[in-house]
PDB file of N, CA and C in Angstrom:
ATOM      1  N   UNK A   1     -13.994  -4.158   2.183  1.00  0.00           N
ATOM      2  CA  UNK A   1     -12.934  -5.020   2.663  1.00  0.00           C
ATOM      3  C   UNK A   1     -11.698  -4.801   1.789  1.00  0.00           C
ATOM      4  N   UNK A   2     -10.602  -4.472   2.399  1.00  0.00           N
ATOM      5  CA  UNK A   2      -9.361  -4.217   1.670  1.00  0.00           C
ATOM      6  C   UNK A   2      -8.651  -5.527   1.355  1.00  0.00           C
ATOM      7  N   UNK A   3      -8.137  -5.593   0.131  1.00  0.00           N
ATOM      8  CA  UNK A   3      -7.352  -6.760  -0.262  1.00  0.00           C
ATOM      9  C   UNK A   3      -5.897  -6.523   0.098  1.00  0.00           C
ATOM     10  N   UNK A   4      -5.254  -7.548   0.589  1.00  0.00           N
ATOM     11  CA  UNK A   4      -3.832  -7.486   0.909  1.00  0.00           C
ATOM     12  C   UNK A   4      -3.148  -8.622   0.169  1.00  0.00           C
ATOM     13  N   UNK A   5      -2.097  -8.286  -0.569  1.00  0.00           N
ATOM     14  CA  UNK A   5      -1.343  -9.296  -1.309  1.00  0.00           C
ATOM     15  C   UNK A   5      -0.415 -10.025  -0.355  1.00  0.00           C
ATOM     16  N   UNK A   6      -0.644 -11.314  -0.229  1.00  0.00           N
ATOM     17  CA  UNK A   6       0.171 -12.174   0.628  1.00  0.00           C
ATOM     18  C   UNK A   6       0.398 -13.499  -0.069  1.00  0.00           C
ATOM     19  N   UNK A   7       1.487 -14.167   0.301  1.00  0.00           N
ATOM     20  CA  UNK A   7       1.703 -15.528  -0.193  1.00  0.00           C
ATOM     21  C   UNK A   7       0.687 -16.442   0.460  1.00  0.00           C
ATOM     22  N   UNK A   8       0.181 -17.387  -0.295  1.00  0.00           N
ATOM     23  CA  UNK A   8      -0.835 -18.294   0.213  1.00  0.00           C
ATOM     24  C   UNK A   8      -0.194 -19.349   1.115  1.00  0.00           C
ATOM     25  N   UNK A   9      -0.842 -19.611   2.220  1.00  0.00           N
ATOM     26  CA  UNK A   9      -0.353 -20.675   3.104  1.00  0.00           C
ATOM     27  C   UNK A   9      -1.101 -21.982   2.853  1.00  0.00           C
ATOM     28  N   UNK A  10      -2.236 -21.904   2.155  1.00  0.00           N
ATOM     29  CA  UNK A  10      -3.017 -23.105   1.902  1.00  0.00           C
ATOM     30  C   UNK A  10      -2.890 -23.597   0.460  1.00  0.00           C
ATOM     31  N   UNK A  11      -2.750 -22.700  -0.486  1.00  0.00           N
ATOM     32  CA  UNK A  11      -2.707 -23.066  -1.896  1.00  0.00           C
ATOM     33  C   UNK A  11      -1.317 -22.783  -2.449  1.00  0.00           C
ATOM     34  N   UNK A  12      -0.368 -23.616  -2.072  1.00  0.00           N
ATOM     35  CA  UNK A  12       0.997 -23.376  -2.518  1.00  0.00           C
ATOM     36  C   UNK A  12       1.647 -24.652  -3.014  1.00  0.00           C
ATOM     37  N   UNK A  13       2.550 -24.480  -3.949  1.00  0.00           N
ATOM     38  CA  UNK A  13       3.352 -25.593  -4.450  1.00  0.00           C
ATOM     39  C   UNK A  13       4.796 -25.425  -3.990  1.00  0.00           C
ATOM     40  N   UNK A  14       5.380 -24.249  -4.231  1.00  0.00           N
ATOM     41  CA  UNK A  14       6.745 -23.988  -3.769  1.00  0.00           C
ATOM     42  C   UNK A  14       6.734 -23.053  -2.563  1.00  0.00           C
ATOM     43  N   UNK A  15       6.376 -21.804  -2.807  1.00  0.00           N
ATOM     44  CA  UNK A  15       6.404 -20.834  -1.719  1.00  0.00           C
ATOM     45  C   UNK A  15       5.094 -20.091  -1.550  1.00  0.00           C
ATOM     46  N   UNK A  16       4.101 -20.365  -2.377  1.00  0.00           N
ATOM     47  CA  UNK A  16       2.798 -19.731  -2.252  1.00  0.00           C
ATOM     48  C   UNK A  16       2.644 -18.437  -3.012  1.00  0.00           C
ATOM     49  N   UNK A  17       3.613 -18.090  -3.858  1.00  0.00           N
ATOM     50  CA  UNK A  17       3.545 -16.833  -4.601  1.00  0.00           C
ATOM     51  C   UNK A  17       2.393 -16.871  -5.603  1.00  0.00           C
ATOM     52  N   UNK A  18       2.309 -17.895  -6.415  1.00  0.00           N
ATOM     53  CA  UNK A  18       1.249 -17.996  -7.421  1.00  0.00           C
ATOM     54  C   UNK A  18      -0.120 -18.137  -6.762  1.00  0.00           C
ATOM     55  N   UNK A  19      -0.199 -18.881  -5.682  1.00  0.00           N
ATOM     56  CA  UNK A  19      -1.456 -19.018  -4.954  1.00  0.00           C
ATOM     57  C   UNK A  19      -1.917 -17.697  -4.379  1.00  0.00           C
ATOM     58  N   UNK A  20      -0.991 -16.937  -3.846  1.00  0.00           N
ATOM     59  CA  UNK A  20      -1.324 -15.620  -3.305  1.00  0.00           C
ATOM     60  C   UNK A  20      -1.762 -14.644  -4.371  1.00  0.00           C
ATOM     61  N   UNK A  21      -1.098 -14.666  -5.524  1.00  0.00           N
ATOM     62  CA  UNK A  21      -1.496 -13.797  -6.631  1.00  0.00           C
ATOM     63  C   UNK A  21      -2.871 -14.189  -7.161  1.00  0.00           C
ATOM     64  N   UNK A  22      -3.126 -15.481  -7.245  1.00  0.00           N
ATOM     65  CA  UNK A  22      -4.436 -15.949  -7.689  1.00  0.00           C
ATOM     66  C   UNK A  22      -5.545 -15.523  -6.746  1.00  0.00           C
ATOM     67  N   UNK A  23      -5.314 -15.638  -5.457  1.00  0.00           N
ATOM     68  CA  UNK A  23      -6.306 -15.217  -4.476  1.00  0.00           C
ATOM     69  C   UNK A  23      -6.517 -13.712  -4.511  1.00  0.00           C
ATOM     70  N   UNK A  24      -5.462 -12.955  -4.702  1.00  0.00           N
ATOM     71  CA  UNK A  24      -5.558 -11.497  -4.725  1.00  0.00           C
ATOM     72  C   UNK A  24      -6.365 -11.008  -5.933  1.00  0.00           C
ATOM     73  N   UNK A  25      -6.101 -11.578  -7.113  1.00  0.00           N
ATOM     74  CA  UNK A  25      -6.784 -11.134  -8.321  1.00  0.00           C
ATOM     75  C   UNK A  25      -8.089 -11.883  -8.577  1.00  0.00           C
ATOM     76  N   UNK A  26      -8.405 -12.880  -7.773  1.00  0.00           N
ATOM     77  CA  UNK A  26      -9.661 -13.596  -7.908  1.00  0.00           C
ATOM     78  C   UNK A  26      -9.699 -14.559  -9.078  1.00  0.00           C
ATOM     79  N   UNK A  27      -8.542 -15.115  -9.441  1.00  0.00           N
ATOM     80  CA  UNK A  27      -8.466 -16.098 -10.521  1.00  0.00           C
ATOM     81  C   UNK A  27      -7.916 -17.403  -9.951  1.00  0.00           C
ATOM     82  N   UNK A  28      -8.042 -18.448 -10.735  1.00  0.00           N
ATOM     83  CA  UNK A  28      -7.540 -19.751 -10.324  1.00  0.00           C
ATOM     84  C   UNK A  28      -6.007 -19.709 -10.265  1.00  0.00           C
ATOM     85  N   UNK A  29      -5.397 -20.125  -9.162  1.00  0.00           N
ATOM     86  CA  UNK A  29      -3.936 -20.122  -9.062  1.00  0.00           C
ATOM     87  C   UNK A  29      -3.250 -20.972 -10.130  1.00  0.00           C
ATOM     88  N   UNK A  30      -3.945 -21.983 -10.649  1.00  0.00           N
ATOM     89  CA  UNK A  30      -3.369 -22.794 -11.719  1.00  0.00           C
ATOM     90  C   UNK A  30      -3.132 -21.949 -12.965  1.00  0.00           C
ATOM     91  N   UNK A  31      -4.024 -21.012 -13.247  1.00  0.00           N
ATOM     92  CA  UNK A  31      -3.855 -20.107 -14.372  1.00  0.00           C
ATOM     93  C   UNK A  31      -2.634 -19.212 -14.160  1.00  0.00           C
ATOM     94  N   UNK A  32      -2.445 -18.741 -12.951  1.00  0.00           N
ATOM     95  CA  UNK A  32      -1.272 -17.919 -12.637  1.00  0.00           C
ATOM     96  C   UNK A  32      -0.001 -18.743 -12.813  1.00  0.00           C
ATOM     97  N   UNK A  33      -0.026 -19.994 -12.398  1.00  0.00           N
ATOM     98  CA  UNK A  33       1.145 -20.866 -12.565  1.00  0.00           C
ATOM     99  C   UNK A  33       1.461 -21.106 -14.039  1.00  0.00           C
ATOM    100  N   UNK A  34       0.438 -21.303 -14.855  1.00  0.00           N
ATOM    101  CA  UNK A  34       0.651 -21.501 -16.288  1.00  0.00           C
ATOM    102  C   UNK A  34       1.240 -20.258 -16.946  1.00  0.00           C
ATOM    103  N   UNK A  35       0.775 -19.099 -16.551  1.00  0.00           N
ATOM    104  CA  UNK A  35       1.343 -17.849 -17.081  1.00  0.00           C
ATOM    105  C   UNK A  35       2.793 -17.727 -16.654  1.00  0.00           C
ATOM    106  N   UNK A  36       3.087 -18.097 -15.416  1.00  0.00           N
ATOM    107  CA  UNK A  36       4.460 -18.011 -14.915  1.00  0.00           C
ATOM    108  C   UNK A  36       5.381 -18.955 -15.693  1.00  0.00           C
ATOM    109  N   UNK A  37       4.919 -20.154 -15.980  1.00  0.00           N
ATOM    110  CA  UNK A  37       5.707 -21.115 -16.767  1.00  0.00           C
ATOM    111  C   UNK A  37       5.936 -20.576 -18.172  1.00  0.00           C
ATOM    112  N   UNK A  38       4.918 -19.954 -18.752  1.00  0.00           N
ATOM    113  CA  UNK A  38       5.054 -19.334 -20.067  1.00  0.00           C
ATOM    114  C   UNK A  38       6.146 -18.270 -20.043  1.00  0.00           C
ATOM    115  N   UNK A  39       6.165 -17.447 -19.000  1.00  0.00           N
ATOM    116  CA  UNK A  39       7.197 -16.411 -18.880  1.00  0.00           C
ATOM    117  C   UNK A  39       8.589 -17.007 -18.733  1.00  0.00           C
ATOM    118  N   UNK A  40       8.685 -18.120 -18.038  1.00  0.00           N
ATOM    119  CA  UNK A  40       9.991 -18.768 -17.852  1.00  0.00           C
ATOM    120  C   UNK A  40      10.531 -19.266 -19.187  1.00  0.00           C
ATOM    121  N   UNK A  41       9.679 -19.945 -19.956  1.00  0.00           N
ATOM    122  CA  UNK A  41      10.158 -20.546 -21.193  1.00  0.00           C
ATOM    123  C   UNK A  41      10.284 -19.563 -22.347  1.00  0.00           C
ATOM    124  N   UNK A  42       9.449 -18.539 -22.389  1.00  0.00           N
ATOM    125  CA  UNK A  42       9.477 -17.609 -23.525  1.00  0.00           C
ATOM    126  C   UNK A  42      10.443 -16.448 -23.311  1.00  0.00           C
ATOM    127  N   UNK A  43      10.456 -15.896 -22.139  1.00  0.00           N
ATOM    128  CA  UNK A  43      11.266 -14.712 -21.902  1.00  0.00           C
ATOM    129  C   UNK A  43      12.425 -14.941 -20.943  1.00  0.00           C
ATOM    130  N   UNK A  44      12.355 -15.976 -20.144  1.00  0.00           N
ATOM    131  CA  UNK A  44      13.427 -16.276 -19.211  1.00  0.00           C
ATOM    132  C   UNK A  44      13.423 -15.417 -17.964  1.00  0.00           C
ATOM    133  N   UNK A  45      12.447 -14.512 -17.848  1.00  0.00           N
ATOM    134  CA  UNK A  45      12.407 -13.626 -16.692  1.00  0.00           C
ATOM    135  C   UNK A  45      11.548 -14.167 -15.558  1.00  0.00           C
ATOM    136  N   UNK A  46      10.853 -15.269 -15.803  1.00  0.00           N
ATOM    137  CA  UNK A  46       9.946 -15.806 -14.802  1.00  0.00           C
ATOM    138  C   UNK A  46      10.644 -16.273 -13.548  1.00  0.00           C
ATOM    139  N   UNK A  47      11.806 -16.872 -13.677  1.00  0.00           N
ATOM    140  CA  UNK A  47      12.544 -17.366 -12.506  1.00  0.00           C
ATOM    141  C   UNK A  47      12.994 -16.193 -11.641  1.00  0.00           C
ATOM    142  N   UNK A  48      13.544 -15.182 -12.266  1.00  0.00           N
ATOM    143  CA  UNK A  48      13.992 -14.002 -11.519  1.00  0.00           C
ATOM    144  C   UNK A  48      12.805 -13.294 -10.873  1.00  0.00           C
ATOM    145  N   UNK A  49      11.703 -13.174 -11.609  1.00  0.00           N
ATOM    146  CA  UNK A  49      10.512 -12.523 -11.065  1.00  0.00           C
ATOM    147  C   UNK A  49       9.948 -13.311  -9.881  1.00  0.00           C
ATOM    148  N   UNK A  50       9.985 -14.638  -9.946  1.00  0.00           N
ATOM    149  CA  UNK A  50       9.480 -15.462  -8.840  1.00  0.00           C
ATOM    150  C   UNK A  50      10.352 -15.261  -7.598  1.00  0.00           C
ATOM    151  N   UNK A  51      11.649 -15.222  -7.773  1.00  0.00           N
ATOM    152  CA  UNK A  51      12.545 -15.034  -6.625  1.00  0.00           C
ATOM    153  C   UNK A  51      12.345 -13.669  -6.010  1.00  0.00           C
ATOM    154  N   UNK A  52      12.199 -12.641  -6.839  1.00  0.00           N
ATOM    155  CA  UNK A  52      11.937 -11.291  -6.314  1.00  0.00           C
ATOM    156  C   UNK A  52      10.598 -11.265  -5.574  1.00  0.00           C
ATOM    157  N   UNK A  53       9.557 -11.874  -6.166  1.00  0.00           N
ATOM    158  CA  UNK A  53       8.249 -11.908  -5.526  1.00  0.00           C
ATOM    159  C   UNK A  53       8.299 -12.678  -4.213  1.00  0.00           C
ATOM    160  N   UNK A  54       9.110 -13.706  -4.148  1.00  0.00           N
ATOM    161  CA  UNK A  54       9.247 -14.488  -2.925  1.00  0.00           C
ATOM    162  C   UNK A  54       9.725 -13.622  -1.765  1.00  0.00           C
ATOM    163  N   UNK A  55      10.627 -12.696  -2.031  1.00  0.00           N
ATOM    164  CA  UNK A  55      11.163 -11.852  -0.966  1.00  0.00           C
ATOM    165  C   UNK A  55      10.315 -10.606  -0.718  1.00  0.00           C
ATOM    166  N   UNK A  56       9.568 -10.163  -1.726  1.00  0.00           N
ATOM    167  CA  UNK A  56       8.784  -8.922  -1.583  1.00  0.00           C
ATOM    168  C   UNK A  56       7.420  -9.183  -0.948  1.00  0.00           C
ATOM    169  N   UNK A  57       6.744 -10.253  -1.383  1.00  0.00           N
ATOM    170  CA  UNK A  57       5.381 -10.526  -0.902  1.00  0.00           C
ATOM    171  C   UNK A  57       5.466 -11.200   0.464  1.00  0.00           C
ATOM    172  N   UNK A  58       4.825 -10.595   1.477  1.00  0.00           N
ATOM    173  CA  UNK A  58       4.882 -11.200   2.824  1.00  0.00           C
ATOM    174  C   UNK A  58       4.057 -12.469   2.910  1.00  0.00           C
ATOM    175  N   UNK A  59       4.364 -13.292   3.898  1.00  0.00           N
ATOM    176  CA  UNK A  59       3.656 -14.568   4.075  1.00  0.00           C
ATOM    177  C   UNK A  59       2.355 -14.366   4.802  1.00  0.00           C
TER     178      UNK A  59
END
C-alpha cells in the first residue's frame, strides 16, 4: 500500500498540515505540533514552513 502525503481532514487544528504529517510518518500528530512550535520559537522558520506546507500538501 503506497503512502500519500495529504493534509488531514479529520485530525486538524488549523489546516491539517501537522495531522497529515503525523499520519504519513505514523506518529502522534501532537508530537508533530510540538516540534513545529519548537521550530517557531527557536528558529522562527516554523511559520514560513507551515505556510509553504499549506500550499504544497494537497487536501
